[in-house]
Amino acid sequence: MTTPGLPLRQLLMSLGEPLVELQAAPQGLDVPVRDVAILDPEDPPTAAPGELVLAIGARGRAALPALRAAGRAGAAAVAIKLDGPGQADALREAATDAGVALLSVRRETRWEHLDSLARAIIAGPDAPDPAEPNAGDLFSLAQTVAVLTNGIVSIEDTSSRVLAYSRSSDSDEVDDLRRLSILGWQGPEPYLSKLREWGIFQHLRSSDAPIAVEPHPELGLRRRLAVGIRAGAQPLGTIWVQEGAQPLAPLAERALVGAARVAAAQLVRRRRELSADVRLTRTLLTGLLEGSTGPQSLATHLGLDLRRPATVLAYAAHTTDALHRSDVTGLISVHAAARHRTALLAPIESRVYVLLPELPPGLPMTTVRDWASEVVTAAREHLGVPLRAAIGSTVDGLAQVPDSRAQADRILDAMGRGGVDLDVAALIDVQAEVLVSEVVALLQESTGLRDPRLTALTDYDRRHGTRLAESVLAWLDALGEVRVAADALHIHPNTLRYRVRRAEQLTGIDLAQPQQRLLAMLQLRLPADE
């Protein structure tokens, strides 16, 4: 059944001037907006009726295909970022010809923030609970608090991310903290550090009472009130009321206390609903990756196309603890979602897997490699966590996802055993290393396949503290080049020659035989404790 949607006029009123500006509305402002779609630059330009299309990465004339496709599909609007004022005229004309509304997005605005806010506004109020007659969506609550307090309101979570805000008719009333918070989705760190220094956050975490923050013109801060949103002793967020051109209402603090209780009920309910949905999605995804659950359940739950190409990325760290820190998995999740709107994440044992379903046909491997590399680089630079990433095969549909995951695991296994000087790899990069690694793993599991003379050599090293096996392997890897192998071991060439001869004398192996050399190159790669 098709939902009626939200009039474009109401969406614009809720989002407000800080984020978007209307450039053209050839069908008027009562066009219903039913959903939000992110158009990735790698995707073909498509849209669906009633969608607000966020054209990420398409600036200037590059946005024309998105506008035309949206018009043909009956989309409600297209949102783009402009590089300069000269682009607006041409795009307005194209939007008018296509019959689709055009919204320009402030350059500082984060796309994921606009996506989140627009979806929340379109979803509208939750069904009212009889026990909570004042319950509604957070945007409506922010607007109500603004009316009651005569102020400018924003509602934030415990990480200072903006969840909702009230409309302001006069942009001159808005101070720097409010403006930057809405554009960036989160309060800027210099301001947040001052609030921490003044003890504001400590009060909000520990008390239900509102607190005043005095004006600081030198910082661009006007006077504001704040109250913590709490469920018992658990902090959920904060309601901020900034004073505009007029003083705050005399009963502003009382209104804030009531608003915090209403907001707490909404956030608790939202957390429960999201938690249940996340758990179900994670269960279905894990089952698909492990091959224990067919693809139909996940596809039905999330509305995915079973027949579109898909691939699996797998991430591993040097320690499981580092990988499963919430900030690391959060970083992987955010980067994946920013690049592919339907990306799904599942930690399984010592690895984190990202499923990229519904890939555009013919997506270059270099593009997926760049996505994986972004995560590895960000984890190293921002969190100090070294990650390895493996790119599984691109398969024809969700039914073959376990095959893509298996290939990613093979690559990570080889990278984890050493000998691969790459942070990000696909099978084509490490084909030989993967196959050798798997043969070594077979030798590790099956003692009957090993040469007992080579086993005796490693046992001798263990008992006597010598390095004969290591020296033989270095000599074999250097194809018999004594000086190269000796340099790698930081020993004299004559010492290396002695060790190789001594190994042959002790065990009876004949390294002049090609088959013996091949087996030695494999078996001597077993871990030292084998």
Protein backbone atom coordinates (compact mmCIF):
# COMPACT_ATOMS: atom_id res chain seq x y z
CA MET A 1 0.00 0.00 0.00
CA THR A 2 1.37 3.44 -0.93
CA THR A 3 1.78 5.83 2.00
CA PRO A 4 0.27 9.31 1.60
CA GLY A 5 3.58 11.01 2.34
CA LEU A 6 4.43 14.36 3.84
CA PRO A 7 3.90 17.57 1.84
CA LEU A 8 7.15 19.07 0.62
CA ARG A 9 6.12 22.33 2.29
CA GLN A 10 6.06 20.67 5.72
CA LEU A 11 9.38 18.92 5.17
CA LEU A 12 11.01 22.24 4.27
CA MET A 13 9.49 23.94 7.29
CA SER A 14 10.92 21.25 9.57
CA LEU A 15 14.38 21.11 7.99
CA GLY A 16 14.62 24.88 7.80
CA GLU A 17 17.13 27.25 6.27
CA PRO A 18 20.20 25.92 8.13
CA LEU A 19 20.26 22.77 6.00
CA VAL A 20 18.44 23.26 2.68
CA GLU A 21 17.11 26.02 0.48
CA LEU A 22 14.35 25.64 -2.10
CA GLN A 23 15.57 26.48 -5.62
CA ALA A 24 12.63 25.28 -7.73
CA ALA A 25 9.23 23.67 -7.17
CA PRO A 26 7.56 23.26 -10.59
CA GLN A 27 4.81 21.02 -9.14
CA GLY A 28 4.19 23.23 -6.11
CA LEU A 29 4.88 22.66 -2.43
CA ASP A 30 2.13 20.14 -1.78
CA VAL A 31 3.96 17.34 -3.59
CA PRO A 32 4.01 14.35 -1.19
CA VAL A 33 7.41 13.12 -0.01
CA ARG A 34 7.20 9.43 0.91
CA ASP A 35 10.82 8.33 1.33
CA VAL A 36 14.46 9.35 1.12
CA ALA A 37 16.90 7.77 -1.34
CA ILE A 38 20.68 8.24 -1.47
CA LEU A 39 22.04 8.34 -5.01
CA ASP A 40 25.66 7.24 -4.83
CA PRO A 41 27.93 8.61 -7.59
CA GLU A 42 28.71 5.02 -8.61
CA ASP A 43 25.00 4.15 -9.04
CA PRO A 44 23.05 4.70 -12.25
CA PRO A 45 20.66 7.66 -11.84
CA THR A 46 17.38 6.16 -10.65
CA ALA A 47 14.51 7.26 -8.42
CA ALA A 48 11.06 6.17 -7.29
CA PRO A 49 7.77 8.09 -7.05
CA GLY A 50 7.61 10.40 -4.05
CA GLU A 51 11.29 10.12 -3.13
CA LEU A 52 13.56 12.87 -1.89
CA VAL A 53 16.75 11.99 -3.77
CA LEU A 54 20.02 13.00 -2.09
CA ALA A 55 22.47 13.30 -4.99
CA ILE A 56 25.75 12.71 -3.19
CA GLY A 57 28.87 13.75 -5.07
CA ALA A 58 26.95 15.23 -8.01
CA ARG A 59 27.70 18.94 -8.32
CA GLY A 60 27.00 21.36 -11.13
CA ARG A 61 26.17 19.77 -14.47
CA ALA A 62 27.00 16.36 -13.01
CA ALA A 63 23.62 16.53 -11.25
CA LEU A 64 21.63 16.81 -14.50
CA PRO A 65 21.21 13.01 -15.02
CA ALA A 66 19.88 12.71 -11.46
CA LEU A 67 17.38 15.52 -12.04
CA ARG A 68 16.12 14.03 -15.31
CA ALA A 69 15.82 10.52 -13.87
CA ALA A 70 13.97 11.86 -10.84
CA GLY A 71 11.55 13.76 -13.04
CA ARG A 72 10.83 10.70 -15.20
CA ALA A 73 10.21 8.56 -12.11
CA GLY A 74 7.90 11.07 -10.41
CA ALA A 75 10.25 11.78 -7.50
CA ALA A 76 9.30 14.61 -5.19
CA ALA A 77 12.62 16.47 -5.02
CA VAL A 78 16.36 16.25 -5.60
CA ALA A 79 18.86 17.69 -3.11
CA ILE A 80 22.33 18.70 -4.31
CA LYS A 81 25.30 20.77 -3.15
CA LEU A 82 26.26 23.77 -5.28
CA ASP A 83 29.87 24.74 -5.88
CA GLY A 84 28.96 28.32 -6.74
CA PRO A 85 26.04 30.67 -7.39
CA GLY A 86 26.44 30.35 -11.15
CA GLN A 87 25.27 26.73 -11.09
CA ALA A 88 21.87 27.47 -9.58
CA ASP A 89 20.29 29.04 -12.69
CA ALA A 90 21.09 26.13 -15.01
CA LEU A 91 19.98 23.54 -12.46
CA ARG A 92 16.75 25.42 -11.70
CA GLU A 93 15.94 25.43 -15.41
CA ALA A 94 16.71 21.69 -15.67
CA ALA A 95 14.58 20.92 -12.61
CA THR A 96 11.67 22.93 -14.02
CA ASP A 97 11.92 21.08 -17.34
CA ALA A 98 12.05 17.74 -15.48
CA GLY A 99 9.10 18.68 -13.27
CA VAL A 100 10.89 17.92 -10.00
CA ALA A 101 11.67 20.17 -7.03
CA LEU A 102 15.31 21.20 -6.52
CA LEU A 103 16.81 21.75 -3.07
CA SER A 104 20.29 23.14 -2.53
CA VAL A 105 22.18 21.81 0.49
CA ARG A 106 24.63 23.86 2.52
CA ARG A 107 28.20 22.79 1.78
CA GLU A 108 28.96 22.14 5.47
CA THR A 109 25.98 19.83 5.89
CA ARG A 110 26.74 16.12 6.31
CA TRP A 111 24.69 13.95 3.99
CA GLU A 112 24.09 11.26 6.59
CA HIS A 113 22.73 13.92 8.94
CA LEU A 114 20.31 15.26 6.34
CA ASP A 115 19.26 11.69 5.50
CA SER A 116 18.59 10.88 9.16
CA LEU A 117 16.62 14.06 9.84
CA ALA A 118 14.54 13.86 6.66
CA ARG A 119 13.58 10.26 7.38
CA ALA A 120 12.59 11.15 10.93
CA ILE A 121 10.41 14.03 9.71
CA ILE A 122 8.74 11.96 6.98
CA ALA A 123 8.06 9.12 9.42
CA GLY A 124 6.09 11.62 11.49
CA PRO A 125 4.71 11.12 14.98
CA ASP A 126 4.54 7.65 16.44
CA ALA A 127 1.10 6.28 17.16
CA PRO A 128 0.06 8.04 20.38
CA ASP A 129 0.19 6.05 23.60
CA PRO A 130 -2.89 6.66 25.77
CA ALA A 131 -0.65 6.95 28.80
CA GLU A 132 1.32 9.69 27.05
CA PRO A 133 -1.16 12.15 25.57
CA ASN A 134 1.60 14.61 24.69
CA ALA A 135 3.81 12.08 22.97
CA GLY A 136 4.76 12.85 19.37
CA ASP A 137 7.86 12.94 17.21
CA LEU A 138 10.94 14.78 18.45
CA PHE A 139 10.61 17.60 15.91
CA SER A 140 7.10 18.34 17.10
CA LEU A 141 8.31 18.26 20.69
CA ALA A 142 11.15 20.69 19.88
CA GLN A 143 8.69 23.07 18.25
CA THR A 144 6.35 22.83 21.24
CA VAL A 145 9.17 23.59 23.66
CA ALA A 146 10.17 26.56 21.52
CA VAL A 147 6.65 27.98 21.81
CA LEU A 148 6.47 27.38 25.58
CA THR A 149 9.91 28.84 26.33
CA ASN A 150 10.07 31.58 23.68
CA GLY A 151 13.45 30.14 22.72
CA ILE A 152 15.26 28.18 20.01
CA VAL A 153 15.37 24.46 20.77
CA SER A 154 17.54 21.50 19.87
CA ILE A 155 17.37 17.94 21.19
CA GLU A 156 20.61 15.96 21.27
CA ASP A 157 21.75 12.48 22.28
CA THR A 158 24.50 11.70 24.80
CA SER A 159 27.16 12.17 22.09
CA SER A 160 25.90 15.71 21.37
CA ARG A 161 24.45 14.62 18.02
CA VAL A 162 21.41 16.64 17.00
CA LEU A 163 18.23 14.52 16.89
CA ALA A 164 15.71 17.31 16.25
CA TYR A 165 15.36 21.08 16.44
CA SER A 166 12.78 23.83 16.27
CA ARG A 167 12.33 26.23 13.38
CA SER A 168 13.67 29.74 13.61
CA SER A 169 12.19 32.51 11.50
CA ASP A 170 15.15 34.83 12.01
CA SER A 171 18.63 33.43 11.33
CA ASP A 172 20.17 36.42 13.17
CA GLU A 173 18.76 35.03 16.41
CA VAL A 174 20.77 31.82 16.09
CA ASP A 175 24.22 31.74 17.73
CA ASP A 176 27.34 29.95 16.45
CA LEU A 177 26.91 26.84 18.59
CA ARG A 178 23.36 26.24 17.34
CA ARG A 179 24.27 26.92 13.69
CA LEU A 180 27.38 24.73 13.65
CA SER A 181 25.65 21.92 15.56
CA ILE A 182 22.81 21.68 13.03
CA LEU A 183 25.08 21.90 9.98
CA GLY A 184 27.56 19.37 11.32
CA TRP A 185 25.04 17.12 13.08
CA GLN A 186 27.12 17.43 16.24
CA GLY A 187 28.32 20.19 18.51
CA PRO A 188 31.79 21.43 17.48
CA GLU A 189 34.52 20.24 19.83
CA PRO A 190 35.84 23.71 20.91
CA TYR A 191 32.37 24.61 22.22
CA LEU A 192 31.81 21.19 23.78
CA SER A 193 35.13 21.39 25.61
CA LYS A 194 34.05 24.71 27.15
CA LEU A 195 30.77 23.19 28.32
CA ARG A 196 32.72 20.33 29.90
CA GLU A 197 35.09 22.81 31.52
CA TRP A 198 32.15 24.72 33.03
CA GLY A 199 30.67 21.52 34.48
CA ILE A 200 27.53 21.66 32.33
CA PHE A 201 27.70 18.06 31.09
CA GLN A 202 28.45 16.73 34.58
CA HIS A 203 25.30 18.43 35.88
CA LEU A 204 23.17 17.13 33.00
CA ARG A 205 24.32 13.54 33.62
CA SER A 206 23.57 13.63 37.33
CA SER A 207 20.53 15.89 37.81
CA ASP A 208 16.97 16.27 36.52
CA ALA A 209 17.04 20.02 37.16
CA PRO A 210 17.62 22.52 34.32
CA ILE A 211 20.86 24.49 34.29
CA ALA A 212 21.59 27.92 32.83
CA VAL A 213 24.56 28.67 30.61
CA GLU A 214 25.37 32.35 30.71
CA PRO A 215 26.12 34.24 27.46
CA HIS A 216 29.71 34.40 26.18
CA PRO A 217 29.77 36.91 23.31
CA GLU A 218 33.49 36.31 22.77
CA LEU A 219 32.65 32.70 21.87
CA GLY A 220 29.53 33.52 19.88
CA LEU A 221 27.30 31.96 22.58
CA ARG A 222 23.99 33.40 23.69
CA ARG A 223 22.28 32.53 26.97
CA ARG A 224 20.65 29.11 27.05
CA LEU A 225 18.98 26.63 29.36
CA ALA A 226 19.61 22.90 29.27
CA VAL A 227 18.05 19.86 30.89
CA GLY A 228 19.15 16.26 30.85
CA ILE A 229 16.91 13.59 29.33
CA ARG A 230 17.14 10.60 31.65
CA ALA A 231 15.53 7.22 32.24
CA GLY A 232 16.18 6.68 35.93
CA ALA A 233 19.93 7.09 36.33
CA GLN A 234 20.58 6.42 32.63
CA PRO A 235 21.36 9.56 30.56
CA LEU A 236 19.64 9.60 27.17
CA GLY A 237 20.36 13.09 25.89
CA THR A 238 19.80 16.81 26.40
CA ILE A 239 17.29 19.50 25.49
CA TRP A 240 18.89 22.89 24.82
CA VAL A 241 16.97 26.17 24.63
CA GLN A 242 18.86 29.13 23.26
CA GLU A 243 17.63 32.63 24.00
CA GLY A 244 16.87 34.60 20.84
CA ALA A 245 16.01 38.27 20.43
CA GLN A 246 13.44 38.03 23.28
CA PRO A 247 14.10 36.82 26.85
CA LEU A 248 13.09 33.26 27.69
CA ALA A 249 9.63 32.81 29.18
CA PRO A 250 9.33 32.94 33.01
CA LEU A 251 8.20 29.31 33.16
CA ALA A 252 10.83 28.06 30.70
CA GLU A 253 12.52 25.82 33.28
CA ARG A 254 9.25 24.12 34.22
CA ALA A 255 8.47 23.50 30.54
CA LEU A 256 11.91 21.96 30.11
CA VAL A 257 11.36 19.49 32.95
CA GLY A 258 8.12 18.28 31.37
CA ALA A 259 9.65 18.13 27.90
CA ALA A 260 12.56 16.03 29.21
CA ARG A 261 10.11 13.45 30.58
CA VAL A 262 8.21 13.25 27.29
CA ALA A 263 11.47 12.99 25.34
CA ALA A 264 12.70 10.21 27.67
CA ALA A 265 9.61 8.11 26.91
CA GLN A 266 10.12 8.60 23.17
CA LEU A 267 13.83 7.78 23.24
CA VAL A 268 13.36 4.68 25.39
CA ARG A 269 10.66 3.44 23.03
CA ARG A 270 12.84 4.23 20.01
CA ARG A 271 15.81 2.40 21.53
CA ARG A 272 13.72 -0.69 22.19
CA GLU A 273 12.33 -0.72 18.66
CA LEU A 274 15.72 -0.11 17.08
CA SER A 275 17.38 -2.67 19.32
CA ALA A 276 14.87 -5.35 18.37
CA ASP A 277 15.21 -4.54 14.66
CA VAL A 278 19.01 -4.48 14.85
CA ARG A 279 19.07 -7.84 16.61
CA LEU A 280 16.80 -9.43 13.99
CA THR A 281 18.84 -7.97 11.12
CA ARG A 282 22.10 -9.11 12.72
CA THR A 283 20.73 -12.64 13.26
CA LEU A 284 19.53 -12.97 9.66
CA LEU A 285 22.77 -11.53 8.28
CA THR A 286 24.95 -13.83 10.40
CA GLY A 287 22.91 -16.82 9.28
CA LEU A 288 23.33 -15.83 5.63
CA LEU A 289 27.10 -15.30 5.97
CA GLU A 290 27.51 -18.66 7.69
CA GLY A 291 25.28 -20.45 5.18
CA SER A 292 22.81 -21.61 7.84
CA THR A 293 20.00 -19.32 6.68
CA GLY A 294 18.80 -18.73 3.14
CA PRO A 295 18.79 -15.24 1.61
CA GLN A 296 15.01 -14.86 1.39
CA SER A 297 14.50 -13.95 5.07
CA LEU A 298 17.02 -11.11 5.04
CA ALA A 299 15.82 -9.88 1.65
CA THR A 300 12.20 -9.81 2.80
CA HIS A 301 13.04 -8.12 6.11
CA LEU A 302 15.03 -5.31 4.48
CA GLY A 303 13.41 -5.17 1.04
CA LEU A 304 16.60 -6.23 -0.79
CA ASP A 305 16.77 -7.49 -4.36
CA LEU A 306 17.92 -11.13 -4.28
CA ARG A 307 19.34 -10.99 -7.80
CA ARG A 308 21.54 -7.89 -7.58
CA PRO A 309 25.34 -8.35 -7.28
CA ALA A 310 26.82 -8.43 -3.78
CA THR A 311 30.19 -8.76 -2.10
CA VAL A 312 31.55 -9.24 1.40
CA LEU A 313 34.34 -7.27 3.06
CA ALA A 314 36.04 -8.82 6.09
CA TYR A 315 38.09 -6.92 8.67
CA ALA A 316 40.52 -8.29 11.24
CA ALA A 317 42.82 -6.67 13.78
CA HIS A 318 45.95 -7.92 15.51
CA THR A 319 43.86 -8.50 18.66
CA THR A 320 40.19 -9.42 18.95
CA ASP A 321 39.74 -6.89 21.76
CA ALA A 322 40.85 -4.06 19.48
CA LEU A 323 38.53 -5.13 16.68
CA HIS A 324 35.44 -5.45 18.84
CA ARG A 325 35.77 -2.09 20.56
CA SER A 326 32.56 -0.19 19.93
CA ASP A 327 34.39 2.73 18.34
CA VAL A 328 36.10 0.44 15.81
CA THR A 329 32.93 -1.38 14.77
CA GLY A 330 31.14 1.98 14.74
CA LEU A 331 33.79 3.42 12.43
CA ILE A 332 33.49 0.46 10.06
CA SER A 333 29.70 0.76 10.07
CA VAL A 334 29.64 4.51 9.40
CA HIS A 335 32.19 4.37 6.56
CA ALA A 336 30.42 1.44 4.91
CA ALA A 337 27.01 3.14 5.14
CA ALA A 338 28.42 6.40 3.77
CA ARG A 339 29.65 4.59 0.66
CA HIS A 340 26.77 2.15 0.17
CA ARG A 341 23.35 2.93 1.57
CA THR A 342 22.31 -0.72 2.16
CA ALA A 343 25.61 -1.88 3.70
CA LEU A 344 25.14 -4.33 6.59
CA LEU A 345 27.60 -5.20 9.37
CA ALA A 346 27.99 -8.35 11.49
CA PRO A 347 30.80 -9.16 13.96
CA ILE A 348 31.43 -12.93 13.95
CA GLU A 349 34.04 -14.30 16.34
CA SER A 350 37.35 -12.51 15.63
CA ARG A 351 36.24 -10.68 12.49
CA VAL A 352 33.80 -8.01 11.34
CA TYR A 353 31.99 -8.60 8.06
CA VAL A 354 30.33 -6.00 5.86
CA LEU A 355 27.82 -7.18 3.28
CA LEU A 356 27.41 -4.86 0.31
CA PRO A 357 24.17 -5.95 -1.36
CA GLU A 358 22.51 -4.47 -4.44
CA LEU A 359 25.75 -3.33 -6.06
CA PRO A 360 25.45 -1.65 -9.46
CA PRO A 361 26.40 -4.06 -12.27
CA GLY A 362 30.00 -3.66 -13.39
CA LEU A 363 31.16 -1.81 -10.26
CA PRO A 364 34.97 -1.70 -10.58
CA MET A 365 37.03 -3.65 -8.04
CA THR A 366 39.10 -0.49 -7.53
CA THR A 367 36.02 1.26 -6.14
CA VAL A 368 35.38 -1.44 -3.54
CA ARG A 369 39.09 -1.48 -2.71
CA ASP A 370 39.00 2.27 -2.11
CA TRP A 371 36.02 1.84 0.24
CA ALA A 372 37.85 -0.81 2.26
CA SER A 373 41.04 1.28 2.32
CA GLU A 374 39.17 4.27 3.73
CA VAL A 375 38.15 2.21 6.76
CA VAL A 376 41.67 0.87 7.34
CA THR A 377 43.19 4.36 7.05
CA ALA A 378 40.59 5.94 9.34
CA ALA A 379 41.02 3.23 12.00
CA ARG A 380 44.78 3.74 12.00
CA GLU A 381 44.73 7.54 11.98
CA HIS A 382 41.81 8.23 14.32
CA LEU A 383 41.77 5.21 16.65
CA GLY A 384 45.33 3.90 16.45
CA VAL A 385 44.03 0.43 15.51
CA PRO A 386 45.76 -1.39 12.63
CA LEU A 387 43.21 -3.32 10.57
CA ARG A 388 43.50 -5.76 7.69
CA ALA A 389 40.73 -5.90 5.10
CA ALA A 390 39.88 -8.65 2.63
CA ILE A 391 37.57 -8.22 -0.38
CA GLY A 392 35.47 -11.26 -1.19
CA SER A 393 34.35 -12.13 -4.69
CA THR A 394 31.47 -10.20 -6.24
CA VAL A 395 28.64 -12.74 -6.59
CA ASP A 396 25.50 -12.65 -8.70
CA GLY A 397 23.01 -12.49 -5.84
CA LEU A 398 22.41 -12.96 -2.12
CA ALA A 399 22.28 -16.75 -2.43
CA GLN A 400 26.03 -16.79 -3.20
CA VAL A 401 27.02 -14.51 -0.30
CA PRO A 402 28.53 -17.42 1.72
CA ASP A 403 30.96 -17.99 -1.17
CA SER A 404 32.07 -14.34 -1.05
CA ARG A 405 32.51 -14.55 2.72
CA ALA A 406 34.53 -17.79 2.39
CA GLN A 407 36.89 -16.13 -0.10
CA ALA A 408 37.35 -13.10 2.18
CA ASP A 409 38.20 -15.48 5.03
CA ARG A 410 40.80 -17.28 2.88
CA ILE A 411 42.47 -13.95 2.12
CA LEU A 412 42.48 -12.85 5.77
CA ASP A 413 43.88 -16.22 6.84
CA ALA A 414 46.79 -15.78 4.45
CA MET A 415 47.35 -12.18 5.57
CA GLY A 416 47.32 -13.28 9.20
CA ARG A 417 50.02 -15.90 8.65
CA GLY A 418 52.46 -13.29 7.37
CA GLY A 419 54.21 -12.87 4.06
CA VAL A 420 51.56 -10.46 2.72
CA ASP A 421 52.66 -6.83 2.92
CA LEU A 422 49.20 -5.40 2.27
CA ASP A 423 46.51 -3.88 4.49
CA VAL A 424 43.76 -4.41 1.90
CA ALA A 425 43.68 -7.31 -0.53
CA ALA A 426 41.48 -9.16 -3.01
CA LEU A 427 42.20 -12.70 -4.17
CA ILE A 428 43.90 -11.46 -7.34
CA ASP A 429 46.49 -9.67 -5.16
CA VAL A 430 47.43 -12.69 -3.03
CA GLN A 431 46.46 -15.78 -5.06
CA ALA A 432 49.79 -17.56 -4.52
CA GLU A 433 50.02 -16.58 -0.85
CA VAL A 434 46.48 -17.85 -0.22
CA LEU A 435 47.13 -21.22 -1.86
CA VAL A 436 50.48 -21.71 -0.08
CA SER A 437 48.88 -20.67 3.20
CA GLU A 438 46.13 -23.25 2.74
CA VAL A 439 48.63 -26.02 1.95
CA VAL A 440 50.57 -25.11 5.09
CA ALA A 441 47.32 -25.18 7.06
CA LEU A 442 46.66 -28.67 5.69
CA LEU A 443 50.11 -29.80 6.83
CA GLN A 444 49.41 -28.25 10.23
CA GLU A 445 46.20 -30.25 10.62
CA SER A 446 47.47 -33.54 9.13
CA THR A 447 50.72 -34.76 10.69
CA GLY A 448 50.69 -37.80 8.38
CA LEU A 449 51.44 -35.55 5.41
CA ARG A 450 54.67 -34.25 6.91
CA ASP A 451 58.23 -35.47 6.26
CA PRO A 452 59.46 -36.88 9.62
CA ARG A 453 63.01 -35.74 8.81
CA LEU A 454 61.87 -32.10 8.66
CA THR A 455 59.91 -32.59 11.87
CA ALA A 456 63.10 -33.93 13.46
CA LEU A 457 64.96 -30.81 12.31
CA THR A 458 62.55 -28.44 14.01
CA ASP A 459 62.60 -30.66 17.13
CA TYR A 460 66.41 -30.42 17.18
CA ASP A 461 66.23 -26.61 17.03
CA ARG A 462 63.74 -26.58 19.90
CA ARG A 463 65.90 -28.80 22.13
CA HIS A 464 69.26 -27.15 21.39
CA GLY A 465 68.25 -23.52 20.78
CA THR A 466 69.65 -23.58 17.23
CA ARG A 467 68.24 -21.98 14.06
CA LEU A 468 68.88 -24.62 11.43
CA ALA A 469 65.30 -24.87 10.10
CA GLU A 470 65.01 -21.09 9.83
CA SER A 471 68.29 -20.93 7.94
CA VAL A 472 67.28 -23.68 5.51
CA LEU A 473 63.98 -21.93 4.77
CA ALA A 474 65.70 -18.57 4.20
CA TRP A 475 68.16 -20.25 1.80
CA LEU A 476 65.31 -21.93 -0.10
CA ASP A 477 63.29 -18.69 -0.29
CA ALA A 478 66.37 -16.95 -1.72
CA LEU A 479 66.59 -19.68 -4.41
CA GLY A 480 70.01 -20.75 -3.11
CA GLU A 481 71.49 -17.23 -3.14
CA VAL A 482 73.64 -17.50 -0.01
CA ARG A 483 74.39 -13.80 0.40
CA VAL A 484 70.75 -12.79 0.02
CA ALA A 485 69.63 -15.34 2.61
CA ALA A 486 72.47 -14.46 4.98
CA ASP A 487 71.62 -10.76 4.79
CA ALA A 488 67.98 -11.54 5.58
CA LEU A 489 69.11 -13.45 8.73
CA HIS A 490 71.86 -10.92 9.59
CA ILE A 491 74.54 -13.62 9.66
CA HIS A 492 77.77 -14.29 7.73
CA PRO A 493 77.41 -16.28 4.48
CA ASN A 494 79.76 -18.94 5.79
CA THR A 495 77.55 -19.36 8.85
CA LEU A 496 74.58 -19.94 6.59
CA ARG A 497 76.48 -22.51 4.50
CA TYR A 498 77.44 -24.36 7.67
CA ARG A 499 73.85 -24.43 8.97
CA VAL A 500 72.44 -25.80 5.68
CA ARG A 501 75.11 -28.57 5.57
CA ARG A 502 74.53 -29.36 9.24
CA ALA A 503 70.76 -29.67 8.67
CA GLU A 504 71.36 -32.15 5.82
CA GLN A 505 73.82 -34.17 7.93
CA LEU A 506 71.52 -34.38 10.97
CA THR A 507 68.37 -35.40 9.09
CA GLY A 508 69.51 -37.07 5.89
CA ILE A 509 67.46 -34.72 3.74
CA ASP A 510 68.85 -34.01 0.28
CA LEU A 511 68.14 -30.40 -0.68
CA ALA A 512 69.50 -31.08 -4.16
CA GLN A 513 66.24 -32.93 -4.88
CA PRO A 514 63.47 -30.61 -6.23
CA GLN A 515 60.64 -32.48 -4.48
CA GLN A 516 62.50 -32.33 -1.15
CA ARG A 517 63.13 -28.61 -1.56
CA LEU A 518 59.42 -28.01 -2.37
CA LEU A 519 58.22 -29.95 0.68
CA ALA A 520 60.79 -28.24 2.90
CA MET A 521 59.64 -24.80 1.71
CA LEU A 522 56.09 -25.70 2.76
CA GLN A 523 56.60 -27.70 5.95
CA LEU A 524 59.20 -25.36 7.44
CA ARG A 525 56.58 -22.62 7.27
CA LEU A 526 54.61 -24.33 10.04
CA PRO A 527 54.49 -22.36 13.31
CA ALA A 528 57.51 -22.98 15.51
CA ASP A 529 55.52 -24.92 18.12
CA GLU A 530 54.37 -27.52 15.58
